[in-house]
C-alpha cells in the first residue's frame, strides 16, 4: 500500500526516534541490508520470494514492476549485497505494460514450476494475474464478486501458495477494520472462502508465505504516526478448511524497521527457519528499501 501524503509527512518527522527503538529488537534478529541502486524504478517493494537456499530472489514493486537476482551473503549467512536485474514492468495480456491505474501490484507467489501469481489492489481492479513467465504476458484468473467490493487501497495485499498448490490471498481490509481477517483460496479453478484468521489489535496483513514446514506465515503492519511502523509475524497451521488460532513469532516496536510489506520463509544451512522481509520505501527520500532477517528458534 502506498503511504498517503499525511502519513509520509508524519513518518518523516519521526525518523529521529528510530535509534532508541532499535535498542530492543525482537529475539532472533539477524540484521538488515539497505538496498540502494541507480535504477529509478527501484522502490515501492511490496512482495518478495526467496528460493530454498536463500540466495535467489524475485521482488515486486507496487508500481507494476519486478526485479530478480542474487542475495550475497558472508560465511555466517548475513546479507552483504544484492545483484539484481534491471527493474522491468509487468505486462498486460499482450506485449504492453499494465495500464496506469491497474498496476498497483502488491502480492507475489511463485509456484515450483516457475509460474508467478501477482495480486493487485486499487479501485475496481482487485484481481490476481498469472504469469507462466514473469517477463511474459499475463493471464486473468477469475475474480469473485467479493473482490469488487474491497476497499480502495486496502485490497489484495498478501498472496501465497500452499503445499498443495492452492493459492491464498488476504485483503488488507475486507471492508471493515474489525472482525476476523478474510482469506480467499483459489483451487480447482474456483475461489472459495474456507476460513478466516483472527484479528489481533489494529495490525493489518501485508504479506504472506508458506514455510518449508507447511505452515502459513503472515506479515502484518501497524502505523503509529510520528513513531513510524511496527511489524508483526504470526504463524498458522492450515488443515483443509480450518486454520489454527495462530501464534505471534515476533513483533517489532515502532521505528525499528521501515515499512515491511513482503515476507519470504526458508530454511537455512543450520536447519533454522529464516524470515526475510522487504520494506516499501514509498519512493520517499526519507524512507529506505531494506531487507530485514530474523531466525526462529529451532
C-alpha atoms as a PDB file:
ATOM      1  CA  UNK A   1       0.000   0.000   0.000  1.00  0.00           C
ATOM      2  CA  UNK A   2       1.306   3.432  -0.873  1.00  0.00           C
ATOM      3  CA  UNK A   3       1.647   5.788   2.085  1.00  0.00           C
ATOM      4  CA  UNK A   4      -0.666   8.794   1.842  1.00  0.00           C
ATOM      5  CA  UNK A   5       0.818  12.308   1.948  1.00  0.00           C
ATOM      6  CA  UNK A   6      -0.076  12.917   5.593  1.00  0.00           C
ATOM      7  CA  UNK A   7       1.316   9.517   6.565  1.00  0.00           C
ATOM      8  CA  UNK A   8       4.572  10.315   4.766  1.00  0.00           C
ATOM      9  CA  UNK A   9       4.898  13.736   6.404  1.00  0.00           C
ATOM     10  CA  UNK A  10       4.353  12.326   9.883  1.00  0.00           C
ATOM     11  CA  UNK A  11       6.755   9.473   9.263  1.00  0.00           C
ATOM     12  CA  UNK A  12       9.432  11.848   8.057  1.00  0.00           C
ATOM     13  CA  UNK A  13       9.130  13.883  11.241  1.00  0.00           C
ATOM     14  CA  UNK A  14       9.528  10.743  13.351  1.00  0.00           C
ATOM     15  CA  UNK A  15      12.753   9.342  11.929  1.00  0.00           C
ATOM     16  CA  UNK A  16      14.769  10.615  14.878  1.00  0.00           C
ATOM     17  CA  UNK A  17      13.002   8.092  17.094  1.00  0.00           C
ATOM     18  CA  UNK A  18      14.450   5.088  15.289  1.00  0.00           C
ATOM     19  CA  UNK A  19      17.740   4.968  17.175  1.00  0.00           C
ATOM     20  CA  UNK A  20      16.185   4.411  20.587  1.00  0.00           C
ATOM     21  CA  UNK A  21      13.674   1.882  19.238  1.00  0.00           C
ATOM     22  CA  UNK A  22      16.419  -0.218  17.636  1.00  0.00           C
ATOM     23  CA  UNK A  23      17.993  -0.910  21.011  1.00  0.00           C
ATOM     24  CA  UNK A  24      15.372  -3.549  21.851  1.00  0.00           C
ATOM     25  CA  UNK A  25      14.960  -5.571  18.668  1.00  0.00           C
ATOM     26  CA  UNK A  26      12.936  -8.796  18.937  1.00  0.00           C
ATOM     27  CA  UNK A  27      14.734 -12.075  19.618  1.00  0.00           C
ATOM     28  CA  UNK A  28      16.138 -13.790  16.564  1.00  0.00           C
ATOM     29  CA  UNK A  29      17.104 -10.601  14.739  1.00  0.00           C
ATOM     30  CA  UNK A  30      19.990 -11.245  12.332  1.00  0.00           C
ATOM     31  CA  UNK A  31      20.372  -7.910  10.594  1.00  0.00           C
ATOM     32  CA  UNK A  32      19.206  -5.638   7.822  1.00  0.00           C
ATOM     33  CA  UNK A  33      20.651  -4.584   4.494  1.00  0.00           C
ATOM     34  CA  UNK A  34      19.814  -1.231   2.893  1.00  0.00           C
ATOM     35  CA  UNK A  35      19.384  -1.762  -0.833  1.00  0.00           C
ATOM     36  CA  UNK A  36      20.414   1.184  -2.996  1.00  0.00           C
ATOM     37  CA  UNK A  37      20.504   1.431  -6.782  1.00  0.00           C
ATOM     38  CA  UNK A  38      20.848   3.919  -9.612  1.00  0.00           C
ATOM     39  CA  UNK A  39      17.739   2.397 -11.196  1.00  0.00           C
ATOM     40  CA  UNK A  40      14.958   4.996 -10.755  1.00  0.00           C
ATOM     41  CA  UNK A  41      12.329   2.257 -10.839  1.00  0.00           C
ATOM     42  CA  UNK A  42      13.698   0.515  -7.751  1.00  0.00           C
ATOM     43  CA  UNK A  43      11.405   1.295  -4.850  1.00  0.00           C
ATOM     44  CA  UNK A  44       7.960   0.614  -3.500  1.00  0.00           C
ATOM     45  CA  UNK A  45       8.833  -3.060  -2.974  1.00  0.00           C
ATOM     46  CA  UNK A  46       5.726  -4.809  -1.710  1.00  0.00           C
ATOM     47  CA  UNK A  47       6.462  -8.531  -2.100  1.00  0.00           C
ATOM     48  CA  UNK A  48       9.418 -10.906  -2.015  1.00  0.00           C
ATOM     49  CA  UNK A  49      10.078 -14.516  -2.994  1.00  0.00           C
ATOM     50  CA  UNK A  50      13.320 -16.279  -1.989  1.00  0.00           C
ATOM     51  CA  UNK A  51      14.431 -19.754  -3.066  1.00  0.00           C
ATOM     52  CA  UNK A  52      15.187 -22.616  -0.694  1.00  0.00           C
ATOM     53  CA  UNK A  53      18.870 -21.619  -0.468  1.00  0.00           C
ATOM     54  CA  UNK A  54      18.157 -18.008   0.489  1.00  0.00           C
ATOM     55  CA  UNK A  55      20.243 -16.715  -2.412  1.00  0.00           C
ATOM     56  CA  UNK A  56      17.927 -16.328  -5.419  1.00  0.00           C
ATOM     57  CA  UNK A  57      15.091 -13.835  -5.154  1.00  0.00           C
ATOM     58  CA  UNK A  58      12.284 -12.099  -7.043  1.00  0.00           C
ATOM     59  CA  UNK A  59      10.898  -8.794  -5.748  1.00  0.00           C
ATOM     60  CA  UNK A  60       7.752  -6.947  -6.764  1.00  0.00           C
ATOM     61  CA  UNK A  61       7.129  -3.192  -6.821  1.00  0.00           C
ATOM     62  CA  UNK A  62       3.724  -1.649  -6.173  1.00  0.00           C
ATOM     63  CA  UNK A  63       4.033   0.174  -9.496  1.00  0.00           C
ATOM     64  CA  UNK A  64       3.626  -2.897 -11.651  1.00  0.00           C
ATOM     65  CA  UNK A  65       7.302  -3.849 -11.898  1.00  0.00           C
ATOM     66  CA  UNK A  66       9.654  -6.609 -10.787  1.00  0.00           C
ATOM     67  CA  UNK A  67      13.317  -7.483 -10.451  1.00  0.00           C
ATOM     68  CA  UNK A  68      15.223 -10.679  -9.709  1.00  0.00           C
ATOM     69  CA  UNK A  69      18.753 -11.714  -8.840  1.00  0.00           C
ATOM     70  CA  UNK A  70      21.042 -12.959  -6.085  1.00  0.00           C
ATOM     71  CA  UNK A  71      21.344 -12.149  -2.393  1.00  0.00           C
ATOM     72  CA  UNK A  72      25.028 -12.143  -1.492  1.00  0.00           C
ATOM     73  CA  UNK A  73      25.944 -13.482   1.953  1.00  0.00           C
ATOM     74  CA  UNK A  74      29.028 -13.900   4.117  1.00  0.00           C
ATOM     75  CA  UNK A  75      30.128 -17.111   5.822  1.00  0.00           C
ATOM     76  CA  UNK A  76      27.662 -16.548   8.671  1.00  0.00           C
ATOM     77  CA  UNK A  77      24.755 -16.100   6.256  1.00  0.00           C
ATOM     78  CA  UNK A  78      24.360 -12.345   6.786  1.00  0.00           C
ATOM     79  CA  UNK A  79      23.460 -10.283   3.723  1.00  0.00           C
ATOM     80  CA  UNK A  80      26.399  -8.379   2.253  1.00  0.00           C
ATOM     81  CA  UNK A  81      24.996  -7.284  -1.128  1.00  0.00           C
ATOM     82  CA  UNK A  82      22.398  -7.712  -3.837  1.00  0.00           C
ATOM     83  CA  UNK A  83      22.987  -8.387  -7.526  1.00  0.00           C
ATOM     84  CA  UNK A  84      19.722  -7.621  -9.319  1.00  0.00           C
ATOM     85  CA  UNK A  85      18.440  -7.385 -12.856  1.00  0.00           C
ATOM     86  CA  UNK A  86      17.027  -4.055 -14.107  1.00  0.00           C
ATOM     87  CA  UNK A  87      13.542  -3.340 -12.798  1.00  0.00           C
ATOM     88  CA  UNK A  88      11.099  -4.431 -15.518  1.00  0.00           C
ATOM     89  CA  UNK A  89       7.449  -3.541 -15.996  1.00  0.00           C
ATOM     90  CA  UNK A  90       4.892  -6.325 -15.764  1.00  0.00           C
ATOM     91  CA  UNK A  91       2.994  -6.939 -18.976  1.00  0.00           C
ATOM     92  CA  UNK A  92      -0.735  -6.986 -19.516  1.00  0.00           C
ATOM     93  CA  UNK A  93      -2.255  -9.751 -21.663  1.00  0.00           C
ATOM     94  CA  UNK A  94      -0.160  -8.712 -24.672  1.00  0.00           C
ATOM     95  CA  UNK A  95       3.219  -7.066 -25.032  1.00  0.00           C
ATOM     96  CA  UNK A  96       2.346  -3.713 -23.451  1.00  0.00           C
ATOM     97  CA  UNK A  97       2.871  -2.912 -19.756  1.00  0.00           C
ATOM     98  CA  UNK A  98      -0.052  -2.842 -17.365  1.00  0.00           C
ATOM     99  CA  UNK A  99      -2.053   0.355 -17.728  1.00  0.00           C
ATOM    100  CA  UNK A 100      -1.720   3.117 -15.110  1.00  0.00           C
ATOM    101  CA  UNK A 101      -4.442   2.704 -12.512  1.00  0.00           C
ATOM    102  CA  UNK A 102      -4.369  -1.067 -12.983  1.00  0.00           C
ATOM    103  CA  UNK A 103      -0.782  -1.688 -11.935  1.00  0.00           C
ATOM    104  CA  UNK A 104      -0.877  -1.492  -8.108  1.00  0.00           C
ATOM    105  CA  UNK A 105       0.797  -4.884  -7.656  1.00  0.00           C
ATOM    106  CA  UNK A 106       1.060  -5.940  -4.021  1.00  0.00           C
ATOM    107  CA  UNK A 107       1.402  -9.710  -3.625  1.00  0.00           C
ATOM    108  CA  UNK A 108       3.664 -12.256  -5.316  1.00  0.00           C
ATOM    109  CA  UNK A 109       3.711 -16.060  -5.179  1.00  0.00           C
ATOM    110  CA  UNK A 110       5.859 -18.298  -7.371  1.00  0.00           C
ATOM    111  CA  UNK A 111       4.979 -21.968  -7.914  1.00  0.00           C
ATOM    112  CA  UNK A 112       7.646 -24.714  -8.092  1.00  0.00           C
ATOM    113  CA  UNK A 113       7.358 -24.746 -11.901  1.00  0.00           C
ATOM    114  CA  UNK A 114       8.178 -21.026 -12.062  1.00  0.00           C
ATOM    115  CA  UNK A 115       4.642 -19.772 -12.683  1.00  0.00           C
ATOM    116  CA  UNK A 116       4.205 -16.403 -10.953  1.00  0.00           C
ATOM    117  CA  UNK A 117       0.979 -15.045  -9.490  1.00  0.00           C
ATOM    118  CA  UNK A 118       0.531 -11.351  -8.729  1.00  0.00           C
ATOM    119  CA  UNK A 119      -2.274  -9.782  -6.678  1.00  0.00           C
ATOM    120  CA  UNK A 120      -3.462  -6.192  -7.056  1.00  0.00           C
ATOM    121  CA  UNK A 121      -5.358  -3.577  -5.132  1.00  0.00           C
ATOM    122  CA  UNK A 122      -6.982  -0.440  -6.428  1.00  0.00           C
ATOM    123  CA  UNK A 123     -10.411   0.994  -7.240  1.00  0.00           C
ATOM    124  CA  UNK A 124     -12.249  -1.777  -9.078  1.00  0.00           C
ATOM    125  CA  UNK A 125      -9.005  -3.562 -10.027  1.00  0.00           C
ATOM    126  CA  UNK A 126      -8.571  -6.091  -7.211  1.00  0.00           C
ATOM    127  CA  UNK A 127      -7.580  -9.257  -9.034  1.00  0.00           C
ATOM    128  CA  UNK A 128      -4.897 -11.928  -9.422  1.00  0.00           C
ATOM    129  CA  UNK A 129      -2.902 -12.380 -12.634  1.00  0.00           C
ATOM    130  CA  UNK A 130      -0.955 -15.479 -13.638  1.00  0.00           C
ATOM    131  CA  UNK A 131       2.371 -15.294 -15.475  1.00  0.00           C
ATOM    132  CA  UNK A 132       3.736 -18.540 -16.944  1.00  0.00           C
ATOM    133  CA  UNK A 133       6.923 -16.469 -17.251  1.00  0.00           C
ATOM    134  CA  UNK A 134       7.051 -13.338 -15.102  1.00  0.00           C
ATOM    135  CA  UNK A 135       8.529 -11.456 -18.042  1.00  0.00           C
ATOM    136  CA  UNK A 136       5.770 -12.615 -20.381  1.00  0.00           C
ATOM    137  CA  UNK A 137       2.087 -11.826 -20.917  1.00  0.00           C
ATOM    138  CA  UNK A 138      -0.488 -12.026 -18.146  1.00  0.00           C
ATOM    139  CA  UNK A 139      -3.478 -14.340 -17.829  1.00  0.00           C
ATOM    140  CA  UNK A 140      -6.517 -13.299 -15.825  1.00  0.00           C
ATOM    141  CA  UNK A 141      -7.690 -15.595 -13.063  1.00  0.00           C
ATOM    142  CA  UNK A 142     -11.455 -15.427 -12.466  1.00  0.00           C
ATOM    143  CA  UNK A 143     -12.464 -12.847  -9.862  1.00  0.00           C
ATOM    144  CA  UNK A 144     -15.270 -13.468  -7.361  1.00  0.00           C
ATOM    145  CA  UNK A 145     -17.835 -10.689  -6.744  1.00  0.00           C
ATOM    146  CA  UNK A 146     -16.280 -10.048  -3.320  1.00  0.00           C
ATOM    147  CA  UNK A 147     -13.118  -8.645  -4.923  1.00  0.00           C
ATOM    148  CA  UNK A 148     -15.068  -5.751  -6.448  1.00  0.00           C
ATOM    149  CA  UNK A 149     -16.337  -4.759  -3.002  1.00  0.00           C
ATOM    150  CA  UNK A 150     -12.927  -4.500  -1.353  1.00  0.00           C
ATOM    151  CA  UNK A 151     -11.918  -1.065  -0.102  1.00  0.00           C
ATOM    152  CA  UNK A 152      -9.788   1.359  -2.078  1.00  0.00           C
ATOM    153  CA  UNK A 153      -6.061   0.881  -1.347  1.00  0.00           C
ATOM    154  CA  UNK A 154      -6.879  -1.978   1.045  1.00  0.00           C
ATOM    155  CA  UNK A 155      -7.427  -4.948  -1.230  1.00  0.00           C
ATOM    156  CA  UNK A 156      -5.290  -7.999  -2.089  1.00  0.00           C
ATOM    157  CA  UNK A 157      -2.039  -7.354  -0.229  1.00  0.00           C
ATOM    158  CA  UNK A 158      -0.925 -10.857   0.808  1.00  0.00           C
ATOM    159  CA  UNK A 159      -0.522 -13.795  -1.588  1.00  0.00           C
ATOM    160  CA  UNK A 160       0.936 -17.268  -1.000  1.00  0.00           C
ATOM    161  CA  UNK A 161       0.934 -20.781  -2.475  1.00  0.00           C
ATOM    162  CA  UNK A 162       0.139 -23.663  -0.134  1.00  0.00           C
ATOM    163  CA  UNK A 163       1.889 -27.060  -0.117  1.00  0.00           C
ATOM    164  CA  UNK A 164      -0.985 -28.500  -2.188  1.00  0.00           C
ATOM    165  CA  UNK A 165      -0.631 -25.798  -4.863  1.00  0.00           C
ATOM    166  CA  UNK A 166      -3.693 -23.821  -3.777  1.00  0.00           C
ATOM    167  CA  UNK A 167      -3.389 -20.039  -3.921  1.00  0.00           C
ATOM    168  CA  UNK A 168      -4.282 -17.957  -0.839  1.00  0.00           C
ATOM    169  CA  UNK A 169      -4.836 -14.199  -0.754  1.00  0.00           C
ATOM    170  CA  UNK A 170      -5.739 -11.936   2.149  1.00  0.00           C
ATOM    171  CA  UNK A 171      -7.059  -8.368   1.730  1.00  0.00           C
ATOM    172  CA  UNK A 172      -5.506  -5.669   3.867  1.00  0.00           C
ATOM    173  CA  UNK A 173      -9.025  -4.688   4.883  1.00  0.00           C
ATOM    174  CA  UNK A 174     -12.148  -6.564   3.878  1.00  0.00           C
ATOM    175  CA  UNK A 175     -14.452  -3.556   4.128  1.00  0.00           C
ATOM    176  CA  UNK A 176     -14.171  -3.123   7.884  1.00  0.00           C
ATOM    177  CA  UNK A 177     -11.436  -2.623  10.436  1.00  0.00           C
ATOM    178  CA  UNK A 178     -12.759  -5.129  12.964  1.00  0.00           C
ATOM    179  CA  UNK A 179     -13.697  -8.780  12.844  1.00  0.00           C
ATOM    180  CA  UNK A 180     -11.636 -11.675  11.504  1.00  0.00           C
ATOM    181  CA  UNK A 181      -9.305 -11.462   8.515  1.00  0.00           C
ATOM    182  CA  UNK A 182     -10.859 -12.745   5.307  1.00  0.00           C
ATOM    183  CA  UNK A 183      -8.977 -15.466   3.394  1.00  0.00           C
ATOM    184  CA  UNK A 184      -9.664 -16.377  -0.240  1.00  0.00           C
ATOM    185  CA  UNK A 185      -8.404 -19.653  -1.699  1.00  0.00           C
ATOM    186  CA  UNK A 186      -8.105 -20.466  -5.415  1.00  0.00           C
ATOM    187  CA  UNK A 187      -8.227 -24.182  -6.063  1.00  0.00           C
ATOM    188  CA  UNK A 188      -9.697 -26.252  -8.874  1.00  0.00           C
ATOM    189  CA  UNK A 189     -10.359 -23.130 -10.925  1.00  0.00           C
ATOM    190  CA  UNK A 190     -12.605 -21.540  -8.283  1.00  0.00           C
ATOM    191  CA  UNK A 191     -12.302 -19.059  -5.447  1.00  0.00           C
ATOM    192  CA  UNK A 192     -13.528 -20.090  -2.004  1.00  0.00           C
ATOM    193  CA  UNK A 193     -13.568 -18.553   1.466  1.00  0.00           C
ATOM    194  CA  UNK A 194     -12.577 -21.625   3.522  1.00  0.00           C
ATOM    195  CA  UNK A 195     -11.758 -19.925   6.821  1.00  0.00           C
ATOM    196  CA  UNK A 196     -10.851 -16.659   8.497  1.00  0.00           C
ATOM    197  CA  UNK A 197      -7.872 -15.710  10.634  1.00  0.00           C
ATOM    198  CA  UNK A 198      -8.272 -13.960  13.992  1.00  0.00           C
ATOM    199  CA  UNK A 199      -7.516 -10.252  14.030  1.00  0.00           C
ATOM    200  CA  UNK A 200      -5.220  -9.022  16.811  1.00  0.00           C
ATOM    201  CA  UNK A 201      -5.372  -5.322  17.566  1.00  0.00           C
ATOM    202  CA  UNK A 202      -5.014  -2.837  14.725  1.00  0.00           C
ATOM    203  CA  UNK A 203      -2.290  -4.611  12.748  1.00  0.00           C
ATOM    204  CA  UNK A 204      -3.160  -5.153   9.064  1.00  0.00           C
ATOM    205  CA  UNK A 205      -1.982  -8.032   6.824  1.00  0.00           C
ATOM    206  CA  UNK A 206       0.527  -7.036   4.137  1.00  0.00           C
ATOM    207  CA  UNK A 207       2.426 -10.209   3.192  1.00  0.00           C
ATOM    208  CA  UNK A 208       2.270 -13.991   3.487  1.00  0.00           C
ATOM    209  CA  UNK A 209       4.248 -17.111   2.667  1.00  0.00           C
ATOM    210  CA  UNK A 210       4.072 -20.831   3.378  1.00  0.00           C
ATOM    211  CA  UNK A 211       7.279 -22.004   5.014  1.00  0.00           C
ATOM    212  CA  UNK A 212       9.187 -25.263   4.455  1.00  0.00           C
ATOM    213  CA  UNK A 213       7.279 -26.602   7.479  1.00  0.00           C
ATOM    214  CA  UNK A 214       3.994 -26.245   5.560  1.00  0.00           C
ATOM    215  CA  UNK A 215       2.641 -23.529   7.843  1.00  0.00           C
ATOM    216  CA  UNK A 216       1.322 -20.106   6.859  1.00  0.00           C
ATOM    217  CA  UNK A 217       3.391 -17.094   7.943  1.00  0.00           C
ATOM    218  CA  UNK A 218       1.548 -13.765   7.979  1.00  0.00           C
ATOM    219  CA  UNK A 219       3.355 -10.402   7.997  1.00  0.00           C
ATOM    220  CA  UNK A 220       1.308  -7.572   9.497  1.00  0.00           C
ATOM    221  CA  UNK A 221       1.918  -3.849   9.844  1.00  0.00           C
ATOM    222  CA  UNK A 222       0.721  -1.092  12.114  1.00  0.00           C
ATOM    223  CA  UNK A 223       1.294   2.623  11.502  1.00  0.00           C
ATOM    224  CA  UNK A 224       1.919   4.537  14.738  1.00  0.00           C
ATOM    225  CA  UNK A 225       2.008   8.089  13.394  1.00  0.00           C
ATOM    226  CA  UNK A 226       5.089  10.024  14.445  1.00  0.00           C
ATOM    227  CA  UNK A 227       6.681   6.846  15.840  1.00  0.00           C
ATOM    228  CA  UNK A 228       6.681   5.034  12.476  1.00  0.00           C
ATOM    229  CA  UNK A 229       5.765   1.455  11.574  1.00  0.00           C
ATOM    230  CA  UNK A 230       5.562  -1.604  13.811  1.00  0.00           C
ATOM    231  CA  UNK A 231       5.678  -5.078  12.253  1.00  0.00           C
ATOM    232  CA  UNK A 232       4.451  -8.459  13.430  1.00  0.00           C
ATOM    233  CA  UNK A 233       4.700 -12.035  12.120  1.00  0.00           C
ATOM    234  CA  UNK A 234       2.190 -14.716  13.060  1.00  0.00           C
ATOM    235  CA  UNK A 235       2.190 -18.411  12.122  1.00  0.00           C
ATOM    236  CA  UNK A 236      -0.829 -20.639  11.441  1.00  0.00           C
ATOM    237  CA  UNK A 237      -1.395 -24.348  10.876  1.00  0.00           C
ATOM    238  CA  UNK A 238      -3.748 -24.906   7.946  1.00  0.00           C
ATOM    239  CA  UNK A 239      -5.694 -28.170   7.808  1.00  0.00           C
ATOM    240  CA  UNK A 240      -8.168 -28.382   4.942  1.00  0.00           C
ATOM    241  CA  UNK A 241     -10.828 -25.743   5.557  1.00  0.00           C
ATOM    242  CA  UNK A 242      -9.649 -24.804   9.041  1.00  0.00           C
ATOM    243  CA  UNK A 243      -6.834 -22.728  10.492  1.00  0.00           C
ATOM    244  CA  UNK A 244      -5.324 -22.709  13.957  1.00  0.00           C
ATOM    245  CA  UNK A 245      -5.609 -19.746  16.296  1.00  0.00           C
ATOM    246  CA  UNK A 246      -2.053 -18.804  15.364  1.00  0.00           C
ATOM    247  CA  UNK A 247       0.985 -17.746  17.348  1.00  0.00           C
ATOM    248  CA  UNK A 248       2.925 -14.484  17.403  1.00  0.00           C
ATOM    249  CA  UNK A 249       6.537 -15.125  16.406  1.00  0.00           C
ATOM    250  CA  UNK A 250       7.860 -11.587  16.586  1.00  0.00           C
ATOM    251  CA  UNK A 251       6.642  -8.039  16.974  1.00  0.00           C
ATOM    252  CA  UNK A 252       8.862  -5.011  16.438  1.00  0.00           C
ATOM    253  CA  UNK A 253       8.472  -1.691  18.154  1.00  0.00           C
ATOM    254  CA  UNK A 254       7.563   1.345  16.021  1.00  0.00           C
ATOM    255  CA  UNK A 255      10.522   2.718  14.087  1.00  0.00           C
ATOM    256  CA  UNK A 256      12.752  -0.357  14.421  1.00  0.00           C
ATOM    257  CA  UNK A 257      12.239  -1.196  10.759  1.00  0.00           C
ATOM    258  CA  UNK A 258      10.824   0.683   7.819  1.00  0.00           C
ATOM    259  CA  UNK A 259       7.541  -0.218   6.108  1.00  0.00           C
ATOM    260  CA  UNK A 260       7.909  -4.015   5.888  1.00  0.00           C
ATOM    261  CA  UNK A 261       5.467  -5.376   3.290  1.00  0.00           C
ATOM    262  CA  UNK A 262       6.873  -8.607   1.822  1.00  0.00           C
ATOM    263  CA  UNK A 263       7.979 -11.831   3.501  1.00  0.00           C
ATOM    264  CA  UNK A 264       9.770 -14.992   2.351  1.00  0.00           C
ATOM    265  CA  UNK A 265      10.241 -18.028   4.601  1.00  0.00           C
ATOM    266  CA  UNK A 266      13.002 -20.600   4.083  1.00  0.00           C
ATOM    267  CA  UNK A 267      15.325 -22.935   5.992  1.00  0.00           C
ATOM    268  CA  UNK A 268      18.997 -22.003   6.365  1.00  0.00           C
ATOM    269  CA  UNK A 269      22.013 -24.324   6.366  1.00  0.00           C
ATOM    270  CA  UNK A 270      21.760 -24.703  10.120  1.00  0.00           C
ATOM    271  CA  UNK A 271      18.240 -26.075   9.816  1.00  0.00           C
ATOM    272  CA  UNK A 272      16.523 -22.996  11.288  1.00  0.00           C
ATOM    273  CA  UNK A 273      13.521 -21.244   9.763  1.00  0.00           C
ATOM    274  CA  UNK A 274      14.533 -17.837   8.496  1.00  0.00           C
ATOM    275  CA  UNK A 275      12.241 -14.893   7.720  1.00  0.00           C
ATOM    276  CA  UNK A 276      13.434 -12.470   5.043  1.00  0.00           C
ATOM    277  CA  UNK A 277      11.323  -9.325   4.732  1.00  0.00           C
ATOM    278  CA  UNK A 278      11.455  -6.325   2.421  1.00  0.00           C
ATOM    279  CA  UNK A 279      10.484  -2.720   3.141  1.00  0.00           C
ATOM    280  CA  UNK A 280       8.477  -0.470   0.835  1.00  0.00           C
ATOM    281  CA  UNK A 281      10.097   2.986   0.756  1.00  0.00           C
ATOM    282  CA  UNK A 282       7.061   4.546  -0.963  1.00  0.00           C
ATOM    283  CA  UNK A 283       9.600   6.238  -3.262  1.00  0.00           C
ATOM    284  CA  UNK A 284      10.254   8.737  -0.424  1.00  0.00           C
ATOM    285  CA  UNK A 285      13.782  10.014   0.152  1.00  0.00           C
ATOM    286  CA  UNK A 286      13.452   9.682   3.934  1.00  0.00           C
ATOM    287  CA  UNK A 287      12.455   6.000   3.800  1.00  0.00           C
ATOM    288  CA  UNK A 288      14.611   3.036   2.834  1.00  0.00           C
ATOM    289  CA  UNK A 289      14.418  -0.061   0.687  1.00  0.00           C
ATOM    290  CA  UNK A 290      15.821  -2.691   3.021  1.00  0.00           C
ATOM    291  CA  UNK A 291      15.902  -6.411   3.628  1.00  0.00           C
ATOM    292  CA  UNK A 292      15.411  -7.476   7.245  1.00  0.00           C
ATOM    293  CA  UNK A 293      16.071 -11.005   8.510  1.00  0.00           C
ATOM    294  CA  UNK A 294      15.123 -12.996  11.602  1.00  0.00           C
ATOM    295  CA  UNK A 295      15.972 -16.563  12.590  1.00  0.00           C
ATOM    296  CA  UNK A 296      13.382 -18.527  14.533  1.00  0.00           C
ATOM    297  CA  UNK A 297      14.410 -20.810  17.432  1.00  0.00           C
ATOM    298  CA  UNK A 298      14.596 -24.470  16.454  1.00  0.00           C
END
